N, C-alpha and C. Protein backbone atom coordinates (compact mmCIF):
# COMPACT_ATOMS: atom_id res chain seq x y z
N MET A 1 0.82 -1.19 0.00
CA MET A 1 0.00 0.00 0.00
C MET A 1 0.86 1.26 0.00
N ALA A 2 1.94 1.22 0.77
CA ALA A 2 2.80 2.40 0.86
C ALA A 2 3.51 2.67 -0.46
N ALA A 3 3.86 1.58 -1.18
CA ALA A 3 4.55 1.75 -2.46
C ALA A 3 3.62 2.36 -3.50
N ALA A 4 2.33 2.09 -3.37
CA ALA A 4 1.38 2.61 -4.35
C ALA A 4 1.26 4.13 -4.25
N ILE A 5 1.48 4.70 -3.08
CA ILE A 5 1.40 6.15 -2.94
C ILE A 5 2.76 6.81 -3.15
N LEU A 6 3.82 6.08 -2.90
CA LEU A 6 5.16 6.66 -3.04
C LEU A 6 5.55 6.88 -4.50
N ILE A 7 5.08 6.06 -5.39
CA ILE A 7 5.46 6.19 -6.80
C ILE A 7 4.94 7.49 -7.40
N PRO A 8 3.65 7.85 -7.28
CA PRO A 8 3.21 9.14 -7.84
C PRO A 8 3.85 10.35 -7.16
N ILE A 9 4.05 10.24 -5.84
CA ILE A 9 4.67 11.35 -5.12
C ILE A 9 6.10 11.55 -5.58
N SER A 10 6.85 10.45 -5.71
CA SER A 10 8.24 10.58 -6.16
C SER A 10 8.31 11.07 -7.60
N PHE A 11 7.39 10.64 -8.45
CA PHE A 11 7.37 11.11 -9.83
C PHE A 11 7.12 12.63 -9.87
N PHE A 12 6.16 13.10 -9.08
CA PHE A 12 5.88 14.53 -9.02
C PHE A 12 7.09 15.30 -8.52
N LEU A 13 7.77 14.78 -7.49
CA LEU A 13 8.95 15.46 -6.95
C LEU A 13 10.09 15.53 -7.96
N VAL A 14 10.28 14.48 -8.73
CA VAL A 14 11.34 14.48 -9.75
C VAL A 14 11.03 15.50 -10.84
N VAL A 15 9.79 15.54 -11.31
CA VAL A 15 9.42 16.51 -12.34
C VAL A 15 9.56 17.93 -11.81
N PHE A 16 9.14 18.16 -10.58
CA PHE A 16 9.26 19.48 -9.98
C PHE A 16 10.73 19.88 -9.84
N ALA A 17 11.58 18.95 -9.39
CA ALA A 17 13.00 19.27 -9.19
C ALA A 17 13.68 19.59 -10.52
N ILE A 18 13.38 18.84 -11.55
CA ILE A 18 14.00 19.11 -12.86
C ILE A 18 13.54 20.46 -13.39
N THR A 19 12.26 20.77 -13.27
CA THR A 19 11.76 22.06 -13.73
C THR A 19 12.37 23.21 -12.94
N TYR A 20 12.45 23.05 -11.62
CA TYR A 20 13.03 24.09 -10.78
C TYR A 20 14.50 24.33 -11.12
N LEU A 21 15.26 23.26 -11.28
CA LEU A 21 16.68 23.41 -11.63
C LEU A 21 16.86 24.07 -12.99
N HIS A 22 16.01 23.72 -13.94
CA HIS A 22 16.12 24.30 -15.28
C HIS A 22 15.92 25.81 -15.22
N TYR A 23 14.83 26.24 -14.59
CA TYR A 23 14.54 27.68 -14.57
C TYR A 23 15.49 28.47 -13.67
N SER A 24 15.89 27.91 -12.56
CA SER A 24 16.81 28.65 -11.69
C SER A 24 18.19 28.77 -12.32
N THR A 25 18.65 27.72 -12.99
CA THR A 25 19.95 27.77 -13.66
C THR A 25 19.91 28.75 -14.82
N ARG A 26 18.83 28.73 -15.58
CA ARG A 26 18.71 29.65 -16.71
C ARG A 26 18.69 31.10 -16.22
N ASN A 27 18.00 31.35 -15.11
CA ASN A 27 17.95 32.69 -14.55
C ASN A 27 19.33 33.15 -14.08
N LYS A 28 20.07 32.27 -13.42
CA LYS A 28 21.41 32.62 -12.94
C LYS A 28 22.36 32.90 -14.10
N GLU A 29 22.26 32.10 -15.16
CA GLU A 29 23.12 32.34 -16.33
C GLU A 29 22.81 33.69 -16.97
N ARG A 30 21.54 34.00 -17.09
CA ARG A 30 21.17 35.27 -17.70
C ARG A 30 21.60 36.46 -16.85
N LEU A 31 21.44 36.34 -15.54
CA LEU A 31 21.88 37.43 -14.65
C LEU A 31 23.39 37.62 -14.73
N ALA A 32 24.14 36.53 -14.81
CA ALA A 32 25.60 36.64 -14.92
C ALA A 32 25.99 37.31 -16.24
N LEU A 33 25.31 36.98 -17.32
CA LEU A 33 25.62 37.61 -18.61
C LEU A 33 25.26 39.09 -18.60
N ILE A 34 24.17 39.44 -17.96
CA ILE A 34 23.78 40.85 -17.89
C ILE A 34 24.78 41.64 -17.05
N GLU A 35 25.26 41.04 -15.96
CA GLU A 35 26.24 41.72 -15.11
C GLU A 35 27.55 41.98 -15.86
N LYS A 36 27.90 41.09 -16.77
CA LYS A 36 29.14 41.26 -17.53
C LYS A 36 28.95 42.21 -18.71
N GLY A 37 27.73 42.66 -18.94
CA GLY A 37 27.48 43.64 -20.00
C GLY A 37 27.14 43.04 -21.34
N ALA A 38 26.72 41.79 -21.38
CA ALA A 38 26.35 41.16 -22.64
C ALA A 38 25.03 41.75 -23.15
N ASP A 39 24.87 41.75 -24.45
CA ASP A 39 23.65 42.27 -25.07
C ASP A 39 22.49 41.33 -24.78
N ALA A 40 21.32 41.86 -24.53
CA ALA A 40 20.14 41.04 -24.20
C ALA A 40 19.59 40.30 -25.41
N SER A 41 20.03 40.65 -26.61
CA SER A 41 19.51 39.98 -27.80
C SER A 41 20.01 38.54 -27.91
N ILE A 42 21.01 38.15 -27.14
CA ILE A 42 21.49 36.78 -27.24
C ILE A 42 20.50 35.78 -26.65
N PHE A 43 19.54 36.26 -25.85
CA PHE A 43 18.57 35.35 -25.27
C PHE A 43 17.54 34.89 -26.30
N VAL A 44 17.34 35.64 -27.35
CA VAL A 44 16.39 35.27 -28.39
C VAL A 44 17.10 35.03 -29.72
N LYS A 45 18.40 34.77 -29.65
CA LYS A 45 19.20 34.63 -30.87
C LYS A 45 18.79 33.42 -31.70
N GLY A 46 18.41 32.31 -31.06
CA GLY A 46 18.06 31.10 -31.78
C GLY A 46 16.69 31.14 -32.41
N LYS A 47 15.84 32.05 -32.00
CA LYS A 47 14.49 32.12 -32.53
C LYS A 47 14.46 32.91 -33.83
N ARG A 48 13.66 32.40 -34.77
CA ARG A 48 13.51 33.12 -36.03
C ARG A 48 12.48 34.22 -35.87
N GLU A 49 12.52 35.17 -36.81
CA GLU A 49 11.55 36.26 -36.73
C GLU A 49 10.13 35.79 -37.04
N ARG A 50 9.98 34.92 -38.04
CA ARG A 50 8.65 34.44 -38.43
C ARG A 50 8.65 32.93 -38.53
N PRO A 51 8.56 32.23 -37.42
CA PRO A 51 8.58 30.77 -37.52
C PRO A 51 7.27 30.25 -38.11
N SER A 52 7.34 29.11 -38.75
CA SER A 52 6.12 28.49 -39.28
C SER A 52 5.22 28.13 -38.12
N ALA A 53 3.96 28.24 -38.34
CA ALA A 53 3.01 27.92 -37.28
C ALA A 53 3.11 26.43 -36.95
N VAL A 54 3.27 26.14 -35.69
CA VAL A 54 3.45 24.76 -35.25
C VAL A 54 2.18 23.96 -35.52
N TRP A 55 1.04 24.60 -35.38
CA TRP A 55 -0.21 23.86 -35.57
C TRP A 55 -0.38 23.43 -37.02
N LYS A 56 0.13 24.25 -37.97
CA LYS A 56 0.03 23.85 -39.38
C LYS A 56 0.85 22.60 -39.64
N ILE A 57 2.05 22.56 -39.08
CA ILE A 57 2.93 21.41 -39.28
C ILE A 57 2.34 20.18 -38.60
N LEU A 58 1.79 20.35 -37.41
CA LEU A 58 1.21 19.24 -36.68
C LEU A 58 0.00 18.67 -37.42
N ILE A 59 -0.87 19.54 -37.90
CA ILE A 59 -2.06 19.09 -38.63
C ILE A 59 -1.65 18.39 -39.92
N LEU A 60 -0.67 18.94 -40.62
CA LEU A 60 -0.21 18.33 -41.87
C LEU A 60 0.33 16.93 -41.63
N ASN A 61 1.21 16.78 -40.64
CA ASN A 61 1.81 15.48 -40.37
C ASN A 61 0.78 14.49 -39.85
N LEU A 62 -0.15 14.95 -39.01
CA LEU A 62 -1.18 14.06 -38.50
C LEU A 62 -2.11 13.60 -39.61
N ALA A 63 -2.47 14.51 -40.50
CA ALA A 63 -3.35 14.14 -41.62
C ALA A 63 -2.67 13.13 -42.54
N LEU A 64 -1.40 13.36 -42.84
CA LEU A 64 -0.70 12.43 -43.71
C LEU A 64 -0.49 11.08 -43.03
N LEU A 65 -0.27 11.08 -41.73
CA LEU A 65 -0.13 9.82 -41.01
C LEU A 65 -1.43 9.03 -41.05
N LEU A 66 -2.55 9.70 -40.78
CA LEU A 66 -3.85 9.00 -40.80
C LEU A 66 -4.21 8.53 -42.21
N MET A 67 -3.87 9.33 -43.23
CA MET A 67 -4.11 8.90 -44.60
C MET A 67 -3.25 7.69 -44.94
N GLY A 68 -2.03 7.67 -44.45
CA GLY A 68 -1.16 6.52 -44.67
C GLY A 68 -1.69 5.27 -43.99
N ILE A 69 -2.19 5.42 -42.77
CA ILE A 69 -2.76 4.26 -42.06
C ILE A 69 -4.00 3.75 -42.79
N GLY A 70 -4.84 4.67 -43.24
CA GLY A 70 -6.04 4.26 -43.98
C GLY A 70 -5.72 3.55 -45.28
N SER A 71 -4.77 4.10 -46.02
CA SER A 71 -4.40 3.42 -47.28
C SER A 71 -3.69 2.11 -46.99
N GLY A 72 -2.97 2.01 -45.88
CA GLY A 72 -2.34 0.74 -45.51
C GLY A 72 -3.37 -0.32 -45.19
N ILE A 73 -4.47 0.06 -44.55
CA ILE A 73 -5.54 -0.89 -44.27
C ILE A 73 -6.18 -1.37 -45.56
N VAL A 74 -6.39 -0.46 -46.50
CA VAL A 74 -6.99 -0.83 -47.79
C VAL A 74 -6.05 -1.77 -48.55
N ILE A 75 -4.77 -1.42 -48.61
CA ILE A 75 -3.81 -2.27 -49.33
C ILE A 75 -3.66 -3.62 -48.65
N GLY A 76 -3.65 -3.62 -47.30
CA GLY A 76 -3.55 -4.89 -46.58
C GLY A 76 -4.76 -5.77 -46.80
N GLY A 77 -5.94 -5.16 -46.83
CA GLY A 77 -7.15 -5.93 -47.12
C GLY A 77 -7.13 -6.51 -48.52
N PHE A 78 -6.66 -5.73 -49.48
CA PHE A 78 -6.55 -6.22 -50.86
C PHE A 78 -5.56 -7.37 -50.94
N MET A 79 -4.41 -7.22 -50.29
CA MET A 79 -3.41 -8.28 -50.32
C MET A 79 -3.89 -9.53 -49.61
N GLY A 80 -4.62 -9.35 -48.50
CA GLY A 80 -5.11 -10.51 -47.76
C GLY A 80 -6.20 -11.26 -48.49
N ASN A 81 -7.07 -10.56 -49.18
CA ASN A 81 -8.19 -11.22 -49.86
C ASN A 81 -7.84 -11.71 -51.25
N ASN A 82 -7.15 -10.91 -52.03
CA ASN A 82 -6.95 -11.24 -53.44
C ASN A 82 -5.62 -11.92 -53.73
N LEU A 83 -4.59 -11.63 -52.99
CA LEU A 83 -3.27 -12.17 -53.30
C LEU A 83 -2.88 -13.33 -52.39
N ASN A 84 -3.79 -13.75 -51.53
CA ASN A 84 -3.59 -14.88 -50.62
C ASN A 84 -2.35 -14.73 -49.74
N VAL A 85 -2.10 -13.51 -49.31
CA VAL A 85 -1.02 -13.25 -48.35
C VAL A 85 -1.61 -13.43 -46.96
N ASP A 86 -0.79 -13.90 -46.00
CA ASP A 86 -1.27 -14.07 -44.63
C ASP A 86 -1.85 -12.75 -44.13
N TRP A 87 -3.03 -12.82 -43.52
CA TRP A 87 -3.78 -11.62 -43.14
C TRP A 87 -2.99 -10.73 -42.19
N GLY A 88 -2.37 -11.29 -41.16
CA GLY A 88 -1.62 -10.49 -40.19
C GLY A 88 -0.41 -9.82 -40.81
N VAL A 89 0.29 -10.55 -41.65
CA VAL A 89 1.47 -9.98 -42.31
C VAL A 89 1.07 -8.89 -43.29
N ALA A 90 0.02 -9.11 -44.04
CA ALA A 90 -0.42 -8.13 -45.03
C ALA A 90 -0.87 -6.84 -44.35
N MET A 91 -1.66 -6.97 -43.29
CA MET A 91 -2.18 -5.77 -42.62
C MET A 91 -1.07 -5.00 -41.90
N SER A 92 -0.31 -5.68 -41.07
CA SER A 92 0.70 -4.96 -40.29
C SER A 92 1.79 -4.39 -41.19
N GLY A 93 2.22 -5.15 -42.15
CA GLY A 93 3.27 -4.65 -43.05
C GLY A 93 2.83 -3.46 -43.87
N SER A 94 1.64 -3.53 -44.43
CA SER A 94 1.18 -2.42 -45.27
C SER A 94 0.83 -1.19 -44.44
N ILE A 95 0.30 -1.38 -43.24
CA ILE A 95 -0.01 -0.22 -42.39
C ILE A 95 1.26 0.51 -42.01
N PHE A 96 2.28 -0.22 -41.53
CA PHE A 96 3.52 0.44 -41.15
C PHE A 96 4.23 1.07 -42.34
N LEU A 97 4.20 0.40 -43.48
CA LEU A 97 4.85 0.94 -44.68
C LEU A 97 4.17 2.23 -45.13
N MET A 98 2.86 2.24 -45.18
CA MET A 98 2.16 3.43 -45.66
C MET A 98 2.18 4.56 -44.63
N ALA A 99 2.16 4.22 -43.32
CA ALA A 99 2.26 5.26 -42.30
C ALA A 99 3.64 5.92 -42.36
N GLY A 100 4.68 5.13 -42.55
CA GLY A 100 6.02 5.68 -42.70
C GLY A 100 6.15 6.53 -43.95
N THR A 101 5.52 6.11 -45.01
CA THR A 101 5.54 6.89 -46.25
C THR A 101 4.82 8.22 -46.04
N GLY A 102 3.70 8.19 -45.33
CA GLY A 102 2.98 9.43 -45.05
C GLY A 102 3.81 10.40 -44.21
N LEU A 103 4.52 9.88 -43.20
CA LEU A 103 5.37 10.74 -42.38
C LEU A 103 6.55 11.29 -43.18
N LEU A 104 7.08 10.48 -44.09
CA LEU A 104 8.19 10.96 -44.94
C LEU A 104 7.71 12.08 -45.86
N VAL A 105 6.55 11.92 -46.44
CA VAL A 105 5.98 12.97 -47.28
C VAL A 105 5.73 14.22 -46.45
N GLY A 106 5.25 14.04 -45.22
CA GLY A 106 5.03 15.18 -44.33
C GLY A 106 6.31 15.91 -44.00
N PHE A 107 7.40 15.16 -43.82
CA PHE A 107 8.69 15.78 -43.55
C PHE A 107 9.13 16.66 -44.72
N PHE A 108 9.01 16.15 -45.93
CA PHE A 108 9.43 16.94 -47.09
C PHE A 108 8.52 18.14 -47.33
N LEU A 109 7.22 17.99 -47.08
CA LEU A 109 6.32 19.13 -47.23
C LEU A 109 6.58 20.19 -46.17
N THR A 110 6.92 19.76 -44.95
CA THR A 110 7.25 20.71 -43.88
C THR A 110 8.52 21.47 -44.22
N LYS A 111 9.50 20.76 -44.76
CA LYS A 111 10.74 21.41 -45.17
C LYS A 111 10.48 22.42 -46.28
N LYS A 112 9.59 22.08 -47.19
CA LYS A 112 9.24 22.99 -48.28
C LYS A 112 8.50 24.23 -47.74
N MET A 113 7.63 24.02 -46.73
CA MET A 113 6.92 25.15 -46.13
C MET A 113 7.89 26.09 -45.42
N ASP A 114 8.90 25.55 -44.77
CA ASP A 114 9.89 26.38 -44.07
C ASP A 114 10.70 27.20 -45.05
N LYS A 115 11.02 26.63 -46.21
CA LYS A 115 11.79 27.40 -47.21
C LYS A 115 10.98 28.54 -47.79
N GLU A 116 9.67 28.35 -47.93
CA GLU A 116 8.81 29.40 -48.49
C GLU A 116 8.65 30.56 -47.54
N ASP A 117 8.71 30.31 -46.24
CA ASP A 117 8.56 31.40 -45.25
C ASP A 117 9.82 32.14 -45.16
């Protein structure tokens, strides 16, 4: 019984400790740089001026993944019924192949969207 309550508590404490250390260390680093006279623009140096909207990329990749899974089910059903391939092999193989193809297409389209911006 005691172990059942200790696991969530310890998980919460670990997440809290990592978050606290991250923000306190980042704050100390920034204060040290400001004290030495560094320009404040270095804190946003890695960010682009007009990043692509994250939701557009997420929706695109999710849509292509679901389309790949759907087409994999159709291809697997065709292979299982008409080509006498083992049903489990046909379905799992075609689903994973088409889902991977959809994600690969999504990667290239995302890269193309970033170049246009």
